[in-house]
């Protein structure tokens, strides 16, 4: 995904570099930009990791490279319509007002993302850019844009390793992962200790056992018809 984003902007950067070779990146005024380099950073908004939530607020930090202003000063963030596939009002909403507080060098605001049915099968992209106004010039080109990739697709997470399969949750399947999230309310076990992993695996195991009892011995099954199993001891 990062390579795709870099390719999207490669031509633009090359053109801008030719232009900016003749002018300084900074002037004596206040320049505005995002805090993270576009080529090195994009934000993945994965609703899979937010069980039960229909909205996610994602942080957006903007800074000025000048001295700031003594009074509250408005700045503008806009959607790059050509590079974005996310639909405003459907997939996201921008803040109504964005300002720097008096003498502030940074401002933190939030973009609200919505869980929609199409995100189950498709990722959408939101590309934001800072805009020049009477108070602010544009900062460095690689800091003028911010990219979000939004989805609700399920896939085997990195933390579901061979050790997790052997000792805790058994072989991965999308159906098992979905049920694990539903039962535990947890989607991300990256960094979990062995004890924590065991606790969550046991929750799913006990749910499967209760399901079997409630259905007269009929187990909860994978999509291929096999019984869903969780090998953790307990």
C-alpha atoms as a PDB file:
ATOM      1  CA  UNK A   1       0.000   0.000   0.000  1.00  0.00           C
ATOM      2  CA  UNK A   2       2.832   2.390   0.825  1.00  0.00           C
ATOM      3  CA  UNK A   3       4.426   1.800  -2.599  1.00  0.00           C
ATOM      4  CA  UNK A   4       1.105   2.567  -4.267  1.00  0.00           C
ATOM      5  CA  UNK A   5       0.797   5.834  -2.391  1.00  0.00           C
ATOM      6  CA  UNK A   6       4.361   6.812  -3.263  1.00  0.00           C
ATOM      7  CA  UNK A   7       3.685   6.130  -6.960  1.00  0.00           C
ATOM      8  CA  UNK A   8       0.557   8.280  -6.837  1.00  0.00           C
ATOM      9  CA  UNK A   9       2.620  11.250  -5.734  1.00  0.00           C
ATOM     10  CA  UNK A  10       5.905  10.572  -7.540  1.00  0.00           C
ATOM     11  CA  UNK A  11       5.042  12.684 -10.571  1.00  0.00           C
ATOM     12  CA  UNK A  12       3.705  15.495  -8.451  1.00  0.00           C
ATOM     13  CA  UNK A  13       6.820  15.527  -6.275  1.00  0.00           C
ATOM     14  CA  UNK A  14       9.096  15.564  -9.312  1.00  0.00           C
ATOM     15  CA  UNK A  15       7.256  18.539 -10.773  1.00  0.00           C
ATOM     16  CA  UNK A  16       7.212  20.377  -7.457  1.00  0.00           C
ATOM     17  CA  UNK A  17      10.899  19.710  -6.905  1.00  0.00           C
ATOM     18  CA  UNK A  18      11.725  21.472 -10.183  1.00  0.00           C
ATOM     19  CA  UNK A  19       9.648  24.447  -9.117  1.00  0.00           C
ATOM     20  CA  UNK A  20      10.963  24.597  -5.572  1.00  0.00           C
ATOM     21  CA  UNK A  21      14.578  24.316  -6.688  1.00  0.00           C
ATOM     22  CA  UNK A  22      14.269  27.982  -7.594  1.00  0.00           C
ATOM     23  CA  UNK A  23      12.689  29.152  -4.340  1.00  0.00           C
ATOM     24  CA  UNK A  24      13.379  28.474  -0.634  1.00  0.00           C
ATOM     25  CA  UNK A  25      11.186  25.943   1.169  1.00  0.00           C
ATOM     26  CA  UNK A  26      10.586  28.467   3.922  1.00  0.00           C
ATOM     27  CA  UNK A  27       9.941  32.178   3.846  1.00  0.00           C
ATOM     28  CA  UNK A  28       9.887  34.726   6.625  1.00  0.00           C
ATOM     29  CA  UNK A  29       6.199  34.129   7.259  1.00  0.00           C
ATOM     30  CA  UNK A  30       4.276  31.281   8.796  1.00  0.00           C
ATOM     31  CA  UNK A  31       4.198  28.077   6.777  1.00  0.00           C
ATOM     32  CA  UNK A  32       1.658  25.327   7.405  1.00  0.00           C
ATOM     33  CA  UNK A  33       2.107  21.594   6.943  1.00  0.00           C
ATOM     34  CA  UNK A  34       1.324  18.184   8.428  1.00  0.00           C
ATOM     35  CA  UNK A  35       3.840  16.746  10.885  1.00  0.00           C
ATOM     36  CA  UNK A  36       4.504  13.459   9.065  1.00  0.00           C
ATOM     37  CA  UNK A  37       6.244  12.870   5.765  1.00  0.00           C
ATOM     38  CA  UNK A  38       3.825  11.569   3.145  1.00  0.00           C
ATOM     39  CA  UNK A  39       6.427   9.266   1.585  1.00  0.00           C
ATOM     40  CA  UNK A  40       7.025   7.567   4.934  1.00  0.00           C
ATOM     41  CA  UNK A  41       3.639   7.615   6.579  1.00  0.00           C
ATOM     42  CA  UNK A  42       0.034   6.829   5.793  1.00  0.00           C
ATOM     43  CA  UNK A  43      -2.722   5.986   8.252  1.00  0.00           C
ATOM     44  CA  UNK A  44      -4.678   2.751   7.992  1.00  0.00           C
ATOM     45  CA  UNK A  45      -8.185   3.015   9.425  1.00  0.00           C
ATOM     46  CA  UNK A  46      -9.290  -0.596   9.949  1.00  0.00           C
ATOM     47  CA  UNK A  47     -12.765  -1.011  11.413  1.00  0.00           C
ATOM     48  CA  UNK A  48     -11.946  -4.674  12.020  1.00  0.00           C
ATOM     49  CA  UNK A  49      -9.770  -3.466  14.897  1.00  0.00           C
ATOM     50  CA  UNK A  50     -12.670  -1.539  16.435  1.00  0.00           C
ATOM     51  CA  UNK A  51     -15.282  -4.188  17.297  1.00  0.00           C
ATOM     52  CA  UNK A  52     -18.771  -2.776  17.652  1.00  0.00           C
ATOM     53  CA  UNK A  53     -17.830   0.760  16.620  1.00  0.00           C
ATOM     54  CA  UNK A  54     -19.564   2.441  13.696  1.00  0.00           C
ATOM     55  CA  UNK A  55     -17.364   5.543  13.794  1.00  0.00           C
ATOM     56  CA  UNK A  56     -13.635   6.109  14.282  1.00  0.00           C
ATOM     57  CA  UNK A  57     -11.991   9.460  14.994  1.00  0.00           C
ATOM     58  CA  UNK A  58      -8.480   9.599  13.574  1.00  0.00           C
ATOM     59  CA  UNK A  59      -5.988  12.183  14.759  1.00  0.00           C
ATOM     60  CA  UNK A  60      -4.616  14.801  12.393  1.00  0.00           C
ATOM     61  CA  UNK A  61      -1.746  17.035  13.540  1.00  0.00           C
ATOM     62  CA  UNK A  62      -0.853  20.233  11.712  1.00  0.00           C
ATOM     63  CA  UNK A  63       2.014  22.570  12.535  1.00  0.00           C
ATOM     64  CA  UNK A  64       3.326  25.969  11.549  1.00  0.00           C
ATOM     65  CA  UNK A  65       7.036  26.444  10.907  1.00  0.00           C
ATOM     66  CA  UNK A  66       6.934  30.150  11.712  1.00  0.00           C
ATOM     67  CA  UNK A  67       6.447  31.982  14.985  1.00  0.00           C
ATOM     68  CA  UNK A  68       2.696  31.603  15.235  1.00  0.00           C
ATOM     69  CA  UNK A  69       0.168  34.361  15.852  1.00  0.00           C
ATOM     70  CA  UNK A  70      -0.895  36.026  19.117  1.00  0.00           C
ATOM     71  CA  UNK A  71      -4.584  35.538  18.274  1.00  0.00           C
ATOM     72  CA  UNK A  72      -6.519  32.406  17.315  1.00  0.00           C
ATOM     73  CA  UNK A  73      -5.889  31.871  13.593  1.00  0.00           C
ATOM     74  CA  UNK A  74      -7.873  29.758  11.160  1.00  0.00           C
ATOM     75  CA  UNK A  75      -6.328  27.321   8.717  1.00  0.00           C
ATOM     76  CA  UNK A  76      -7.872  25.111   6.075  1.00  0.00           C
ATOM     77  CA  UNK A  77      -7.652  21.400   5.281  1.00  0.00           C
ATOM     78  CA  UNK A  78      -9.139  20.288   1.973  1.00  0.00           C
ATOM     79  CA  UNK A  79      -9.855  16.987   0.234  1.00  0.00           C
ATOM     80  CA  UNK A  80      -7.843  16.218  -2.877  1.00  0.00           C
ATOM     81  CA  UNK A  81     -10.749  15.031  -5.010  1.00  0.00           C
ATOM     82  CA  UNK A  82      -8.575  13.632  -7.804  1.00  0.00           C
ATOM     83  CA  UNK A  83      -6.583  11.334  -5.531  1.00  0.00           C
ATOM     84  CA  UNK A  84      -9.348  10.394  -3.075  1.00  0.00           C
ATOM     85  CA  UNK A  85     -11.846   7.564  -3.519  1.00  0.00           C
ATOM     86  CA  UNK A  86     -13.564   8.055  -0.150  1.00  0.00           C
ATOM     87  CA  UNK A  87     -16.845   9.972  -0.305  1.00  0.00           C
ATOM     88  CA  UNK A  88     -17.372  12.868   2.077  1.00  0.00           C
ATOM     89  CA  UNK A  89     -20.523  12.413   4.143  1.00  0.00           C
ATOM     90  CA  UNK A  90     -20.499   8.655   3.461  1.00  0.00           C
ATOM     91  CA  UNK A  91     -17.054   7.451   4.486  1.00  0.00           C
ATOM     92  CA  UNK A  92     -15.772  10.472   6.416  1.00  0.00           C
ATOM     93  CA  UNK A  93     -16.422  13.940   7.758  1.00  0.00           C
ATOM     94  CA  UNK A  94     -13.877  16.706   8.219  1.00  0.00           C
ATOM     95  CA  UNK A  95     -13.917  18.997  11.262  1.00  0.00           C
ATOM     96  CA  UNK A  96     -16.156  22.033  10.879  1.00  0.00           C
ATOM     97  CA  UNK A  97     -13.492  24.431  12.135  1.00  0.00           C
ATOM     98  CA  UNK A  98      -9.695  24.257  12.326  1.00  0.00           C
ATOM     99  CA  UNK A  99      -7.660  26.923  14.100  1.00  0.00           C
ATOM    100  CA  UNK A 100      -4.363  27.432  15.845  1.00  0.00           C
ATOM    101  CA  UNK A 101      -4.783  28.642  19.391  1.00  0.00           C
ATOM    102  CA  UNK A 102      -2.981  31.904  20.269  1.00  0.00           C
ATOM    103  CA  UNK A 103       0.809  31.467  19.966  1.00  0.00           C
ATOM    104  CA  UNK A 104       0.398  27.735  19.238  1.00  0.00           C
ATOM    105  CA  UNK A 105       2.795  26.012  16.869  1.00  0.00           C
ATOM    106  CA  UNK A 106       0.680  22.866  16.492  1.00  0.00           C
ATOM    107  CA  UNK A 107      -2.972  21.960  16.328  1.00  0.00           C
ATOM    108  CA  UNK A 108      -4.575  18.556  16.749  1.00  0.00           C
ATOM    109  CA  UNK A 109      -7.891  17.877  15.081  1.00  0.00           C
ATOM    110  CA  UNK A 110      -9.792  14.735  14.064  1.00  0.00           C
ATOM    111  CA  UNK A 111     -11.288  13.226  10.939  1.00  0.00           C
ATOM    112  CA  UNK A 112     -14.374  11.103  11.573  1.00  0.00           C
ATOM    113  CA  UNK A 113     -14.656   7.875   9.564  1.00  0.00           C
ATOM    114  CA  UNK A 114     -17.841   5.847   9.172  1.00  0.00           C
ATOM    115  CA  UNK A 115     -18.257   2.086   8.957  1.00  0.00           C
ATOM    116  CA  UNK A 116     -20.095   1.367   5.701  1.00  0.00           C
ATOM    117  CA  UNK A 117     -21.051  -1.909   4.033  1.00  0.00           C
ATOM    118  CA  UNK A 118     -18.785  -1.388   1.024  1.00  0.00           C
ATOM    119  CA  UNK A 119     -15.692  -1.325   3.257  1.00  0.00           C
ATOM    120  CA  UNK A 120     -16.135  -5.072   3.833  1.00  0.00           C
ATOM    121  CA  UNK A 121     -14.894  -5.708   0.300  1.00  0.00           C
ATOM    122  CA  UNK A 122     -13.222  -2.476  -0.810  1.00  0.00           C
ATOM    123  CA  UNK A 123     -10.652  -0.104   0.620  1.00  0.00           C
ATOM    124  CA  UNK A 124     -11.124   3.606   0.008  1.00  0.00           C
ATOM    125  CA  UNK A 125      -8.506   6.324   0.102  1.00  0.00           C
ATOM    126  CA  UNK A 126      -8.748   9.820   1.532  1.00  0.00           C
ATOM    127  CA  UNK A 127      -6.038  12.318   0.582  1.00  0.00           C
ATOM    128  CA  UNK A 128      -6.047  15.590   2.497  1.00  0.00           C
ATOM    129  CA  UNK A 129      -3.959  18.676   1.839  1.00  0.00           C
ATOM    130  CA  UNK A 130      -3.293  21.870   3.714  1.00  0.00           C
ATOM    131  CA  UNK A 131      -4.317  25.062   1.927  1.00  0.00           C
ATOM    132  CA  UNK A 132      -2.622  28.407   1.685  1.00  0.00           C
ATOM    133  CA  UNK A 133      -4.518  31.396   3.045  1.00  0.00           C
ATOM    134  CA  UNK A 134      -3.829  34.971   4.170  1.00  0.00           C
ATOM    135  CA  UNK A 135      -2.170  33.743   7.360  1.00  0.00           C
ATOM    136  CA  UNK A 136      -0.164  30.752   6.128  1.00  0.00           C
ATOM    137  CA  UNK A 137       2.036  29.809   3.221  1.00  0.00           C
ATOM    138  CA  UNK A 138       2.482  26.145   2.285  1.00  0.00           C
ATOM    139  CA  UNK A 139       5.352  24.226   3.881  1.00  0.00           C
ATOM    140  CA  UNK A 140       7.516  21.490   2.372  1.00  0.00           C
ATOM    141  CA  UNK A 141       5.826  19.553  -0.437  1.00  0.00           C
ATOM    142  CA  UNK A 142       6.227  16.141   1.225  1.00  0.00           C
ATOM    143  CA  UNK A 143       4.393  17.433   4.311  1.00  0.00           C
ATOM    144  CA  UNK A 144       1.459  19.078   2.540  1.00  0.00           C
ATOM    145  CA  UNK A 145      -0.551  15.887   2.129  1.00  0.00           C
ATOM    146  CA  UNK A 146      -1.977  13.267   4.467  1.00  0.00           C
ATOM    147  CA  UNK A 147      -3.249   9.880   3.265  1.00  0.00           C
ATOM    148  CA  UNK A 148      -5.780   7.632   4.993  1.00  0.00           C
ATOM    149  CA  UNK A 149      -6.703   4.145   3.770  1.00  0.00           C
ATOM    150  CA  UNK A 150     -10.029   2.944   5.183  1.00  0.00           C
ATOM    151  CA  UNK A 151     -11.414  -0.591   5.157  1.00  0.00           C
ATOM    152  CA  UNK A 152     -13.363  -3.179   7.113  1.00  0.00           C
ATOM    153  CA  UNK A 153     -11.863  -6.227   5.436  1.00  0.00           C
ATOM    154  CA  UNK A 154     -10.848  -9.275   7.417  1.00  0.00           C
ATOM    155  CA  UNK A 155      -7.503 -10.990   6.920  1.00  0.00           C
ATOM    156  CA  UNK A 156      -5.078 -13.023   8.996  1.00  0.00           C
ATOM    157  CA  UNK A 157      -3.241 -10.618  11.311  1.00  0.00           C
ATOM    158  CA  UNK A 158       0.520 -10.742  11.778  1.00  0.00           C
ATOM    159  CA  UNK A 159       0.136 -11.770  15.423  1.00  0.00           C
ATOM    160  CA  UNK A 160      -1.678 -15.000  14.425  1.00  0.00           C
ATOM    161  CA  UNK A 161       1.586 -16.913  14.067  1.00  0.00           C
ATOM    162  CA  UNK A 162       2.297 -20.633  13.880  1.00  0.00           C
ATOM    163  CA  UNK A 163       2.723 -20.592  17.675  1.00  0.00           C
ATOM    164  CA  UNK A 164      -0.726 -19.073  18.104  1.00  0.00           C
ATOM    165  CA  UNK A 165      -2.162 -21.707  15.769  1.00  0.00           C
ATOM    166  CA  UNK A 166      -0.437 -24.585  17.555  1.00  0.00           C
ATOM    167  CA  UNK A 167      -0.888 -23.578  21.194  1.00  0.00           C
ATOM    168  CA  UNK A 168      -3.841 -21.223  21.396  1.00  0.00           C
ATOM    169  CA  UNK A 169      -6.364 -20.614  18.620  1.00  0.00           C
ATOM    170  CA  UNK A 170      -5.763 -23.344  16.071  1.00  0.00           C
ATOM    171  CA  UNK A 171      -5.549 -22.839  12.299  1.00  0.00           C
ATOM    172  CA  UNK A 172      -6.593 -19.406  11.062  1.00  0.00           C
ATOM    173  CA  UNK A 173      -9.830 -18.813   9.185  1.00  0.00           C
ATOM    174  CA  UNK A 174     -11.759 -15.602   8.535  1.00  0.00           C
ATOM    175  CA  UNK A 175     -14.803 -17.143  10.218  1.00  0.00           C
ATOM    176  CA  UNK A 176     -12.822 -18.016  13.340  1.00  0.00           C
ATOM    177  CA  UNK A 177     -11.272 -14.562  13.501  1.00  0.00           C
ATOM    178  CA  UNK A 178     -14.694 -12.924  13.192  1.00  0.00           C
ATOM    179  CA  UNK A 179     -16.068 -15.140  15.961  1.00  0.00           C
ATOM    180  CA  UNK A 180     -12.994 -14.447  18.117  1.00  0.00           C
ATOM    181  CA  UNK A 181     -13.594 -10.687  17.814  1.00  0.00           C
ATOM    182  CA  UNK A 182     -17.307 -11.108  18.529  1.00  0.00           C
ATOM    183  CA  UNK A 183     -16.717 -13.242  21.637  1.00  0.00           C
ATOM    184  CA  UNK A 184     -13.754 -11.397  23.142  1.00  0.00           C
ATOM    185  CA  UNK A 185     -14.318  -7.848  21.906  1.00  0.00           C
ATOM    186  CA  UNK A 186     -10.640  -7.830  20.959  1.00  0.00           C
ATOM    187  CA  UNK A 187      -9.176  -7.796  17.451  1.00  0.00           C
ATOM    188  CA  UNK A 188      -5.485  -7.102  18.034  1.00  0.00           C
ATOM    189  CA  UNK A 189      -3.271  -9.294  20.214  1.00  0.00           C
ATOM    190  CA  UNK A 190       0.027  -7.856  18.993  1.00  0.00           C
ATOM    191  CA  UNK A 191       2.296  -7.656  22.023  1.00  0.00           C
ATOM    192  CA  UNK A 192       0.024  -9.824  24.188  1.00  0.00           C
ATOM    193  CA  UNK A 193       1.720 -12.025  26.775  1.00  0.00           C
ATOM    194  CA  UNK A 194       1.295 -15.811  26.783  1.00  0.00           C
ATOM    195  CA  UNK A 195      -1.092 -15.473  29.726  1.00  0.00           C
ATOM    196  CA  UNK A 196      -3.196 -12.869  27.940  1.00  0.00           C
ATOM    197  CA  UNK A 197      -3.252 -14.951  24.780  1.00  0.00           C
ATOM    198  CA  UNK A 198      -4.438 -17.954  26.770  1.00  0.00           C
ATOM    199  CA  UNK A 199      -7.221 -15.974  28.462  1.00  0.00           C
ATOM    200  CA  UNK A 200      -8.646 -14.787  25.158  1.00  0.00           C
ATOM    201  CA  UNK A 201      -8.266 -18.175  23.496  1.00  0.00           C
ATOM    202  CA  UNK A 202     -10.125 -19.799  26.388  1.00  0.00           C
ATOM    203  CA  UNK A 203     -13.014 -17.371  25.951  1.00  0.00           C
ATOM    204  CA  UNK A 204     -13.484 -18.604  22.400  1.00  0.00           C
ATOM    205  CA  UNK A 205     -13.002 -22.226  23.439  1.00  0.00           C
ATOM    206  CA  UNK A 206     -15.657 -21.968  26.160  1.00  0.00           C
ATOM    207  CA  UNK A 207     -18.045 -20.274  23.718  1.00  0.00           C
ATOM    208  CA  UNK A 208     -17.606 -23.162  21.279  1.00  0.00           C
ATOM    209  CA  UNK A 209     -18.258 -25.683  24.038  1.00  0.00           C
ATOM    210  CA  UNK A 210     -21.404 -23.848  25.173  1.00  0.00           C
ATOM    211  CA  UNK A 211     -22.617 -23.648  21.583  1.00  0.00           C
ATOM    212  CA  UNK A 212     -22.199 -27.399  21.199  1.00  0.00           C
ATOM    213  CA  UNK A 213     -24.171 -28.106  24.360  1.00  0.00           C
ATOM    214  CA  UNK A 214     -26.920 -25.681  23.360  1.00  0.00           C
ATOM    215  CA  UNK A 215     -27.251 -27.367  19.955  1.00  0.00           C
ATOM    216  CA  UNK A 216     -27.462 -30.985  21.175  1.00  0.00           C
ATOM    217  CA  UNK A 217     -23.887 -31.845  20.327  1.00  0.00           C
ATOM    218  CA  UNK A 218     -23.809 -30.106  16.959  1.00  0.00           C
ATOM    219  CA  UNK A 219     -20.557 -28.088  16.814  1.00  0.00           C
ATOM    220  CA  UNK A 220     -20.023 -24.628  15.451  1.00  0.00           C
ATOM    221  CA  UNK A 221     -18.460 -25.166  12.044  1.00  0.00           C
ATOM    222  CA  UNK A 222     -16.053 -23.531   9.652  1.00  0.00           C
ATOM    223  CA  UNK A 223     -17.374 -22.549   6.241  1.00  0.00           C
ATOM    224  CA  UNK A 224     -15.993 -25.800   4.788  1.00  0.00           C
ATOM    225  CA  UNK A 225     -18.057 -27.831   7.281  1.00  0.00           C
ATOM    226  CA  UNK A 226     -15.231 -28.772   9.642  1.00  0.00           C
ATOM    227  CA  UNK A 227     -15.750 -28.289  13.350  1.00  0.00           C
ATOM    228  CA  UNK A 228     -14.158 -25.091  14.622  1.00  0.00           C
ATOM    229  CA  UNK A 229     -11.515 -26.059  17.169  1.00  0.00           C
ATOM    230  CA  UNK A 230      -9.378 -24.134  19.636  1.00  0.00           C
ATOM    231  CA  UNK A 231      -6.503 -26.224  21.041  1.00  0.00           C
ATOM    232  CA  UNK A 232      -5.607 -24.115  24.103  1.00  0.00           C
ATOM    233  CA  UNK A 233      -5.486 -26.165  27.314  1.00  0.00           C
ATOM    234  CA  UNK A 234      -8.051 -25.333  29.934  1.00  0.00           C
END
